[in-house]
Amino acid sequence: MVRSAMLIRNATEKELPVTPRDLGNLRASWFVTTAEGQVKKGTRNTGVFVEVNKGERKRPEGFAARMTARHNQIVGRNINRCKSSKKLMLIMGYSANYALWVHEMPEATNWSFQGSGPKWFERKLKTHRKEMLALIGKDAKIKMVKVFAETKQFKARTEISNIKGDNE
């Protein structure tokens, strides 16, 4: 499942429309969580927010610190959701409080970064749905084959030890 999340992350950065960026805080709010914790692999600069004021868009003092605190809170909450689930779970998304608002902006918006646009995340999920399912299926088969092989080896070892025990 993690490889599927990385597929989506890469697509949001490389395929049009890409994740909008101004200072990069929206992109930095990307996260992936599982029951094992936050996935760091392939998530460069995740949780690293900047305080810079750009032009007329003044950020309130402590903006980056609040973004970091919110990010850590959301990541922690989602790790707990994954851990408490009875099913295997992965949660991915953006922790920025404005992510949904930006995602739903109209097509006619004057985007600050060329190539970015609305519904960048949703479009990648739809476009790469089959690839994601194939990756999950492939990972599941590999794990199932490994479990099956380990089970057969365990049974074989048990049978051998029982035979040895009978002869002694």
N, C-alpha and C. Protein backbone atom coordinates (compact mmCIF):
# COMPACT_ATOMS: atom_id res chain seq x y z
N MET A 1 0.82 -1.19 0.00
CA MET A 1 0.00 0.00 0.00
C MET A 1 0.86 1.26 0.00
N VAL A 2 2.00 1.18 0.65
CA VAL A 2 2.88 2.34 0.70
C VAL A 2 3.37 2.71 -0.70
N ARG A 3 3.65 1.68 -1.51
CA ARG A 3 4.11 1.97 -2.88
C ARG A 3 3.01 2.68 -3.68
N SER A 4 1.76 2.37 -3.42
CA SER A 4 0.65 3.06 -4.08
C SER A 4 0.60 4.52 -3.65
N ALA A 5 0.82 4.78 -2.37
CA ALA A 5 0.83 6.16 -1.87
C ALA A 5 1.97 6.94 -2.51
N MET A 6 3.12 6.30 -2.66
CA MET A 6 4.26 6.98 -3.29
C MET A 6 3.99 7.26 -4.78
N LEU A 7 3.29 6.35 -5.43
CA LEU A 7 2.88 6.56 -6.82
C LEU A 7 2.04 7.84 -6.93
N ILE A 8 1.08 7.99 -6.03
CA ILE A 8 0.22 9.18 -6.04
C ILE A 8 1.02 10.43 -5.71
N ARG A 9 1.88 10.35 -4.72
CA ARG A 9 2.70 11.52 -4.35
C ARG A 9 3.54 11.98 -5.55
N ASN A 10 4.20 11.04 -6.21
CA ASN A 10 5.02 11.40 -7.38
C ASN A 10 4.17 11.98 -8.49
N ALA A 11 2.99 11.42 -8.70
CA ALA A 11 2.10 11.92 -9.75
C ALA A 11 1.64 13.34 -9.45
N THR A 12 1.37 13.66 -8.18
CA THR A 12 0.92 15.01 -7.83
C THR A 12 2.03 16.04 -8.04
N GLU A 13 3.26 15.58 -8.09
CA GLU A 13 4.39 16.50 -8.29
C GLU A 13 4.87 16.58 -9.73
N LYS A 14 4.55 15.57 -10.55
CA LYS A 14 5.13 15.51 -11.89
C LYS A 14 4.12 15.57 -13.04
N GLU A 15 2.86 15.21 -12.77
CA GLU A 15 1.85 15.17 -13.82
C GLU A 15 0.88 16.33 -13.65
N LEU A 16 0.50 16.94 -14.77
CA LEU A 16 -0.43 18.06 -14.71
C LEU A 16 -1.84 17.59 -14.38
N PRO A 17 -2.58 18.33 -13.59
CA PRO A 17 -2.12 19.48 -12.83
C PRO A 17 -1.33 19.02 -11.59
N VAL A 18 -0.28 19.76 -11.30
CA VAL A 18 0.56 19.43 -10.15
C VAL A 18 0.02 20.14 -8.90
N THR A 19 0.54 19.75 -7.76
CA THR A 19 0.15 20.38 -6.51
C THR A 19 0.48 21.87 -6.58
N PRO A 20 -0.50 22.73 -6.30
CA PRO A 20 -0.21 24.18 -6.30
C PRO A 20 0.86 24.51 -5.27
N ARG A 21 1.64 25.50 -5.57
CA ARG A 21 2.65 25.93 -4.61
C ARG A 21 2.82 27.43 -4.64
N ASP A 22 2.98 27.96 -3.49
CA ASP A 22 3.27 29.37 -3.29
C ASP A 22 4.60 29.40 -2.55
N LEU A 23 4.54 29.10 -1.28
CA LEU A 23 5.76 28.97 -0.48
C LEU A 23 6.19 27.51 -0.34
N GLY A 24 5.30 26.59 -0.70
CA GLY A 24 5.61 25.17 -0.58
C GLY A 24 5.02 24.53 0.66
N ASN A 25 4.27 25.29 1.45
CA ASN A 25 3.71 24.73 2.69
C ASN A 25 2.63 23.70 2.43
N LEU A 26 1.84 23.87 1.39
CA LEU A 26 0.83 22.86 1.07
C LEU A 26 1.51 21.54 0.72
N ARG A 27 2.52 21.60 -0.13
CA ARG A 27 3.26 20.40 -0.50
C ARG A 27 3.94 19.77 0.71
N ALA A 28 4.43 20.61 1.61
CA ALA A 28 5.11 20.11 2.82
C ALA A 28 4.13 19.45 3.79
N SER A 29 2.84 19.70 3.61
CA SER A 29 1.87 19.12 4.54
C SER A 29 1.44 17.70 4.14
N TRP A 30 2.01 17.18 3.04
CA TRP A 30 1.70 15.81 2.60
C TRP A 30 2.12 14.82 3.69
N PHE A 31 1.30 13.80 3.89
CA PHE A 31 1.66 12.76 4.86
C PHE A 31 1.11 11.42 4.41
N VAL A 32 1.73 10.36 4.89
CA VAL A 32 1.27 8.99 4.70
C VAL A 32 1.44 8.30 6.04
N THR A 33 0.35 7.67 6.52
CA THR A 33 0.43 6.96 7.80
C THR A 33 -0.08 5.53 7.65
N THR A 34 0.49 4.66 8.47
CA THR A 34 0.05 3.27 8.58
C THR A 34 0.04 2.94 10.07
N ALA A 35 -0.31 1.72 10.39
CA ALA A 35 -0.28 1.30 11.80
C ALA A 35 1.14 1.30 12.36
N GLU A 36 2.13 1.26 11.47
CA GLU A 36 3.52 1.26 11.91
C GLU A 36 4.05 2.68 12.14
N GLY A 37 3.28 3.69 11.78
CA GLY A 37 3.68 5.07 11.99
C GLY A 37 3.63 5.88 10.72
N GLN A 38 4.34 7.01 10.74
CA GLN A 38 4.38 7.87 9.56
C GLN A 38 5.42 7.33 8.59
N VAL A 39 5.05 7.27 7.32
CA VAL A 39 5.97 6.81 6.29
C VAL A 39 6.83 8.00 5.86
N LYS A 40 8.12 7.86 6.02
CA LYS A 40 9.05 8.94 5.66
C LYS A 40 9.64 8.75 4.27
N LYS A 41 9.70 7.50 3.82
CA LYS A 41 10.30 7.19 2.52
C LYS A 41 9.56 7.94 1.40
N GLY A 42 10.32 8.69 0.61
CA GLY A 42 9.74 9.39 -0.52
C GLY A 42 8.94 10.62 -0.16
N THR A 43 9.08 11.09 1.07
CA THR A 43 8.31 12.27 1.49
C THR A 43 9.25 13.40 1.91
N ARG A 44 10.14 13.72 1.02
CA ARG A 44 11.13 14.77 1.28
C ARG A 44 10.43 16.08 1.69
N ASN A 45 10.94 16.72 2.70
CA ASN A 45 10.46 18.01 3.22
C ASN A 45 9.06 17.96 3.84
N THR A 46 8.54 16.79 4.07
CA THR A 46 7.23 16.69 4.72
C THR A 46 7.35 17.21 6.15
N GLY A 47 6.44 18.11 6.51
CA GLY A 47 6.43 18.67 7.85
C GLY A 47 7.41 19.80 8.06
N VAL A 48 8.06 20.27 6.99
CA VAL A 48 9.00 21.40 7.09
C VAL A 48 8.32 22.62 6.46
N PHE A 49 7.86 23.53 7.29
CA PHE A 49 7.10 24.68 6.83
C PHE A 49 7.91 25.96 6.93
N VAL A 50 7.59 26.92 6.06
CA VAL A 50 8.34 28.19 6.04
C VAL A 50 7.44 29.34 6.48
N GLU A 51 8.07 30.35 7.03
CA GLU A 51 7.39 31.50 7.62
C GLU A 51 7.45 32.72 6.70
N VAL A 52 8.13 32.62 5.59
CA VAL A 52 8.41 33.77 4.73
C VAL A 52 7.13 34.50 4.31
N ASN A 53 7.19 35.81 4.34
CA ASN A 53 6.10 36.62 3.81
C ASN A 53 6.44 36.99 2.38
N LYS A 54 5.52 36.78 1.47
CA LYS A 54 5.77 36.99 0.05
C LYS A 54 4.83 38.08 -0.46
N GLY A 55 5.41 39.19 -0.88
CA GLY A 55 4.60 40.27 -1.44
C GLY A 55 3.56 40.76 -0.45
N GLU A 56 2.34 40.87 -0.90
CA GLU A 56 1.26 41.36 -0.05
C GLU A 56 0.65 40.26 0.81
N ARG A 57 1.00 39.03 0.55
CA ARG A 57 0.44 37.91 1.32
C ARG A 57 1.21 37.74 2.62
N LYS A 58 0.83 38.49 3.61
CA LYS A 58 1.51 38.45 4.91
C LYS A 58 1.01 37.26 5.71
N ARG A 59 1.93 36.49 6.23
CA ARG A 59 1.59 35.38 7.11
C ARG A 59 1.67 35.87 8.55
N PRO A 60 0.74 35.46 9.38
CA PRO A 60 0.82 35.88 10.79
C PRO A 60 2.06 35.28 11.45
N GLU A 61 2.57 35.97 12.42
CA GLU A 61 3.75 35.49 13.14
C GLU A 61 3.44 34.12 13.76
N GLY A 62 4.36 33.20 13.64
CA GLY A 62 4.18 31.87 14.18
C GLY A 62 3.44 30.93 13.24
N PHE A 63 3.23 31.35 12.00
CA PHE A 63 2.49 30.56 11.01
C PHE A 63 3.12 29.18 10.82
N ALA A 64 4.43 29.14 10.60
CA ALA A 64 5.11 27.87 10.36
C ALA A 64 5.02 26.95 11.58
N ALA A 65 5.15 27.52 12.76
CA ALA A 65 5.06 26.72 13.99
C ALA A 65 3.66 26.12 14.14
N ARG A 66 2.63 26.90 13.80
CA ARG A 66 1.25 26.38 13.88
C ARG A 66 1.02 25.30 12.84
N MET A 67 1.59 25.48 11.64
CA MET A 67 1.47 24.45 10.59
C MET A 67 2.14 23.16 11.05
N THR A 68 3.31 23.28 11.68
CA THR A 68 4.04 22.10 12.17
C THR A 68 3.23 21.39 13.26
N ALA A 69 2.69 22.16 14.20
CA ALA A 69 1.90 21.57 15.28
C ALA A 69 0.66 20.86 14.72
N ARG A 70 -0.02 21.50 13.78
CA ARG A 70 -1.21 20.88 13.17
C ARG A 70 -0.82 19.61 12.42
N HIS A 71 0.26 19.68 11.67
CA HIS A 71 0.73 18.52 10.90
C HIS A 71 1.01 17.34 11.84
N ASN A 72 1.75 17.59 12.89
CA ASN A 72 2.08 16.53 13.85
C ASN A 72 0.83 15.96 14.51
N GLN A 73 -0.14 16.82 14.82
CA GLN A 73 -1.39 16.37 15.43
C GLN A 73 -2.17 15.48 14.47
N ILE A 74 -2.28 15.89 13.22
CA ILE A 74 -3.03 15.12 12.22
C ILE A 74 -2.34 13.80 11.93
N VAL A 75 -1.03 13.83 11.79
CA VAL A 75 -0.29 12.59 11.55
C VAL A 75 -0.49 11.63 12.72
N GLY A 76 -0.35 12.12 13.94
CA GLY A 76 -0.55 11.28 15.12
C GLY A 76 -1.95 10.70 15.20
N ARG A 77 -2.94 11.51 14.92
CA ARG A 77 -4.34 11.05 14.95
C ARG A 77 -4.55 9.95 13.91
N ASN A 78 -3.96 10.12 12.73
CA ASN A 78 -4.15 9.13 11.67
C ASN A 78 -3.36 7.85 11.92
N ILE A 79 -2.23 7.95 12.57
CA ILE A 79 -1.50 6.74 12.98
C ILE A 79 -2.39 5.94 13.94
N ASN A 80 -3.00 6.62 14.89
CA ASN A 80 -3.89 5.95 15.85
C ASN A 80 -5.09 5.33 15.16
N ARG A 81 -5.65 6.01 14.16
CA ARG A 81 -6.77 5.44 13.40
C ARG A 81 -6.34 4.16 12.70
N CYS A 82 -5.13 4.17 12.12
CA CYS A 82 -4.62 2.97 11.44
C CYS A 82 -4.39 1.84 12.44
N LYS A 83 -3.82 2.17 13.58
CA LYS A 83 -3.53 1.15 14.60
C LYS A 83 -4.81 0.53 15.16
N SER A 84 -5.84 1.34 15.33
CA SER A 84 -7.07 0.84 15.95
C SER A 84 -7.98 0.13 14.95
N SER A 85 -7.66 0.21 13.68
CA SER A 85 -8.49 -0.45 12.66
C SER A 85 -8.26 -1.96 12.70
N LYS A 86 -9.33 -2.70 12.50
CA LYS A 86 -9.20 -4.16 12.45
C LYS A 86 -8.72 -4.61 11.08
N LYS A 87 -8.71 -3.68 10.14
CA LYS A 87 -8.25 -3.98 8.78
C LYS A 87 -6.96 -3.22 8.52
N LEU A 88 -6.20 -3.71 7.57
CA LEU A 88 -4.98 -3.02 7.16
C LEU A 88 -5.37 -1.67 6.59
N MET A 89 -4.72 -0.61 7.02
CA MET A 89 -5.13 0.74 6.62
C MET A 89 -3.93 1.63 6.34
N LEU A 90 -4.08 2.49 5.35
CA LEU A 90 -3.11 3.53 5.04
C LEU A 90 -3.91 4.80 4.82
N ILE A 91 -3.44 5.90 5.36
CA ILE A 91 -4.10 7.20 5.17
C ILE A 91 -3.05 8.14 4.58
N MET A 92 -3.43 8.81 3.48
CA MET A 92 -2.54 9.79 2.87
C MET A 92 -3.32 11.06 2.58
N GLY A 93 -2.61 12.17 2.55
CA GLY A 93 -3.28 13.43 2.24
C GLY A 93 -2.43 14.61 2.64
N TYR A 94 -3.10 15.73 2.86
CA TYR A 94 -2.43 16.98 3.21
C TYR A 94 -2.97 17.47 4.54
N SER A 95 -2.08 17.94 5.41
CA SER A 95 -2.50 18.41 6.73
C SER A 95 -2.81 19.90 6.76
N ALA A 96 -2.44 20.65 5.73
CA ALA A 96 -2.70 22.10 5.71
C ALA A 96 -4.20 22.35 5.82
N ASN A 97 -4.58 23.26 6.71
CA ASN A 97 -6.00 23.52 6.93
C ASN A 97 -6.68 24.10 5.69
N TYR A 98 -5.93 24.58 4.75
CA TYR A 98 -6.50 25.18 3.53
C TYR A 98 -6.41 24.24 2.33
N ALA A 99 -5.94 23.02 2.51
CA ALA A 99 -5.74 22.09 1.39
C ALA A 99 -7.03 21.82 0.62
N LEU A 100 -8.11 21.54 1.32
CA LEU A 100 -9.38 21.25 0.65
C LEU A 100 -9.87 22.47 -0.12
N TRP A 101 -9.74 23.63 0.47
CA TRP A 101 -10.17 24.88 -0.17
C TRP A 101 -9.41 25.08 -1.48
N VAL A 102 -8.10 24.90 -1.46
CA VAL A 102 -7.29 25.06 -2.67
C VAL A 102 -7.65 23.97 -3.69
N HIS A 103 -7.84 22.75 -3.22
CA HIS A 103 -8.17 21.63 -4.09
C HIS A 103 -9.45 21.89 -4.88
N GLU A 104 -10.41 22.56 -4.26
CA GLU A 104 -11.72 22.79 -4.87
C GLU A 104 -11.84 24.13 -5.58
N MET A 105 -10.75 24.90 -5.69
CA MET A 105 -10.82 26.19 -6.38
C MET A 105 -11.19 25.97 -7.85
N PRO A 106 -11.86 26.95 -8.46
CA PRO A 106 -12.28 26.79 -9.86
C PRO A 106 -11.10 26.77 -10.83
N GLU A 107 -11.34 26.15 -11.97
CA GLU A 107 -10.33 26.04 -13.03
C GLU A 107 -9.80 27.42 -13.45
N ALA A 108 -10.66 28.44 -13.45
CA ALA A 108 -10.30 29.78 -13.92
C ALA A 108 -9.40 30.55 -12.94
N THR A 109 -9.07 29.95 -11.82
CA THR A 109 -8.21 30.60 -10.83
C THR A 109 -6.86 30.95 -11.44
N ASN A 110 -6.32 32.09 -11.04
CA ASN A 110 -4.98 32.49 -11.47
C ASN A 110 -3.98 31.80 -10.55
N TRP A 111 -3.57 30.59 -10.93
CA TRP A 111 -2.68 29.78 -10.09
C TRP A 111 -1.29 30.39 -10.07
N SER A 112 -0.68 30.43 -8.89
CA SER A 112 0.63 31.07 -8.74
C SER A 112 1.76 30.23 -9.31
N PHE A 113 1.52 28.95 -9.53
CA PHE A 113 2.56 28.09 -10.09
C PHE A 113 2.04 27.46 -11.38
N GLN A 114 2.77 27.68 -12.45
CA GLN A 114 2.34 27.17 -13.75
C GLN A 114 2.24 25.64 -13.73
N GLY A 115 1.15 25.13 -14.26
CA GLY A 115 0.95 23.69 -14.30
C GLY A 115 0.10 23.17 -13.14
N SER A 116 -0.13 24.02 -12.14
CA SER A 116 -0.97 23.57 -11.03
C SER A 116 -2.43 23.88 -11.35
N GLY A 117 -3.31 23.22 -10.65
CA GLY A 117 -4.72 23.43 -10.91
C GLY A 117 -5.58 22.71 -9.91
N PRO A 118 -6.89 22.86 -10.07
CA PRO A 118 -7.82 22.27 -9.11
C PRO A 118 -7.85 20.75 -9.21
N LYS A 119 -8.24 20.13 -8.11
CA LYS A 119 -8.46 18.68 -8.03
C LYS A 119 -7.22 17.87 -8.43
N TRP A 120 -6.03 18.42 -8.19
CA TRP A 120 -4.79 17.72 -8.54
C TRP A 120 -4.69 16.35 -7.86
N PHE A 121 -5.16 16.25 -6.64
CA PHE A 121 -5.08 15.01 -5.87
C PHE A 121 -6.13 14.00 -6.36
N GLU A 122 -7.36 14.44 -6.45
CA GLU A 122 -8.46 13.57 -6.89
C GLU A 122 -8.20 13.02 -8.29
N ARG A 123 -7.69 13.85 -9.18
CA ARG A 123 -7.41 13.39 -10.55
C ARG A 123 -6.37 12.29 -10.57
N LYS A 124 -5.36 12.40 -9.71
CA LYS A 124 -4.31 11.37 -9.68
C LYS A 124 -4.85 10.06 -9.12
N LEU A 125 -5.73 10.14 -8.13
CA LEU A 125 -6.34 8.92 -7.58
C LEU A 125 -7.16 8.21 -8.66
N LYS A 126 -7.91 8.99 -9.44
CA LYS A 126 -8.72 8.40 -10.50
C LYS A 126 -7.85 7.85 -11.64
N THR A 127 -6.87 8.63 -12.05
CA THR A 127 -5.99 8.24 -13.17
C THR A 127 -5.19 6.98 -12.85
N HIS A 128 -4.70 6.87 -11.64
CA HIS A 128 -3.79 5.79 -11.26
C HIS A 128 -4.46 4.68 -10.44
N ARG A 129 -5.78 4.64 -10.46
CA ARG A 129 -6.52 3.66 -9.66
C ARG A 129 -6.09 2.23 -9.96
N LYS A 130 -6.03 1.87 -11.22
CA LYS A 130 -5.68 0.49 -11.59
C LYS A 130 -4.24 0.17 -11.20
N GLU A 131 -3.34 1.13 -11.40
CA GLU A 131 -1.94 0.91 -11.01
C GLU A 131 -1.82 0.71 -9.50
N MET A 132 -2.57 1.52 -8.74
CA MET A 132 -2.54 1.39 -7.29
C MET A 132 -3.02 0.01 -6.86
N LEU A 133 -4.13 -0.43 -7.43
CA LEU A 133 -4.68 -1.74 -7.08
C LEU A 133 -3.71 -2.86 -7.47
N ALA A 134 -3.05 -2.70 -8.63
CA ALA A 134 -2.08 -3.71 -9.06
C ALA A 134 -0.90 -3.78 -8.08
N LEU A 135 -0.42 -2.62 -7.64
CA LEU A 135 0.69 -2.59 -6.67
C LEU A 135 0.28 -3.24 -5.35
N ILE A 136 -0.92 -2.92 -4.89
CA ILE A 136 -1.41 -3.51 -3.64
C ILE A 136 -1.55 -5.02 -3.80
N GLY A 137 -2.12 -5.44 -4.94
CA GLY A 137 -2.28 -6.87 -5.20
C GLY A 137 -0.96 -7.59 -5.28
N LYS A 138 0.00 -6.96 -5.95
CA LYS A 138 1.33 -7.56 -6.08
C LYS A 138 1.99 -7.72 -4.71
N ASP A 139 1.92 -6.66 -3.90
CA ASP A 139 2.49 -6.72 -2.56
C ASP A 139 1.78 -7.79 -1.72
N ALA A 140 0.46 -7.87 -1.85
CA ALA A 140 -0.29 -8.87 -1.09
C ALA A 140 0.09 -10.28 -1.51
N LYS A 141 0.27 -10.51 -2.82
CA LYS A 141 0.66 -11.84 -3.31
C LYS A 141 2.03 -12.22 -2.79
N ILE A 142 2.95 -11.28 -2.83
CA ILE A 142 4.31 -11.56 -2.34
C ILE A 142 4.24 -11.96 -0.86
N LYS A 143 3.48 -11.22 -0.07
CA LYS A 143 3.37 -11.52 1.35
C LYS A 143 2.65 -12.85 1.57
N MET A 144 1.61 -13.11 0.77
CA MET A 144 0.87 -14.36 0.93
C MET A 144 1.75 -15.55 0.55
N VAL A 145 2.54 -15.43 -0.51
CA VAL A 145 3.44 -16.51 -0.91
C VAL A 145 4.46 -16.75 0.19
N LYS A 146 4.97 -15.67 0.77
CA LYS A 146 5.95 -15.79 1.85
C LYS A 146 5.33 -16.48 3.06
N VAL A 147 4.13 -16.06 3.42
CA VAL A 147 3.43 -16.68 4.56
C VAL A 147 3.17 -18.15 4.27
N PHE A 148 2.72 -18.45 3.05
CA PHE A 148 2.44 -19.83 2.66
C PHE A 148 3.71 -20.67 2.74
N ALA A 149 4.81 -20.13 2.22
CA ALA A 149 6.08 -20.85 2.25
C ALA A 149 6.54 -21.08 3.69
N GLU A 150 6.41 -20.07 4.52
CA GLU A 150 6.80 -20.21 5.91
C GLU A 150 5.92 -21.23 6.62
N THR A 151 4.63 -21.24 6.30
CA THR A 151 3.70 -22.20 6.89
C THR A 151 4.07 -23.62 6.47
N LYS A 152 4.38 -23.81 5.18
CA LYS A 152 4.77 -25.14 4.69
C LYS A 152 6.05 -25.59 5.38
N GLN A 153 7.03 -24.67 5.52
CA GLN A 153 8.28 -25.02 6.18
C GLN A 153 8.02 -25.40 7.64
N PHE A 154 7.12 -24.65 8.28
CA PHE A 154 6.80 -24.95 9.67
C PHE A 154 6.19 -26.34 9.78
N LYS A 155 5.24 -26.62 8.89
CA LYS A 155 4.61 -27.95 8.90
C LYS A 155 5.63 -29.04 8.62
N ALA A 156 6.53 -28.78 7.67
CA ALA A 156 7.55 -29.78 7.33
C ALA A 156 8.47 -30.01 8.53
N ARG A 157 8.88 -28.94 9.19
CA ARG A 157 9.74 -29.07 10.38
C ARG A 157 9.01 -29.82 11.49
N THR A 158 7.72 -29.52 11.67
CA THR A 158 6.93 -30.20 12.70
C THR A 158 6.85 -31.68 12.41
N GLU A 159 6.59 -32.04 11.16
CA GLU A 159 6.49 -33.45 10.78
C GLU A 159 7.83 -34.16 10.99
N ILE A 160 8.91 -33.51 10.62
CA ILE A 160 10.24 -34.11 10.79
C ILE A 160 10.53 -34.31 12.27
N SER A 161 10.22 -33.30 13.09
CA SER A 161 10.50 -33.45 14.52
C SER A 161 9.62 -34.53 15.13
N ASN A 162 8.37 -34.66 14.66
CA ASN A 162 7.49 -35.74 15.16
C ASN A 162 8.04 -37.11 14.79
N ILE A 163 8.56 -37.24 13.57
CA ILE A 163 9.13 -38.52 13.13
C ILE A 163 10.35 -38.84 13.99
N LYS A 164 11.22 -37.85 14.21
CA LYS A 164 12.40 -38.08 15.04
C LYS A 164 11.99 -38.45 16.45
N GLY A 165 10.94 -37.80 16.95
CA GLY A 165 10.47 -38.09 18.30
C GLY A 165 9.92 -39.48 18.43
N ASP A 166 9.28 -39.99 17.34
CA ASP A 166 8.72 -41.34 17.38
C ASP A 166 9.80 -42.42 17.40
N ASN A 167 10.93 -42.13 16.77
CA ASN A 167 12.01 -43.12 16.68
C ASN A 167 12.86 -43.16 17.94
N GLU A 168 12.80 -42.16 18.73
CA GLU A 168 13.68 -42.12 19.90
C GLU A 168 13.11 -42.83 21.09
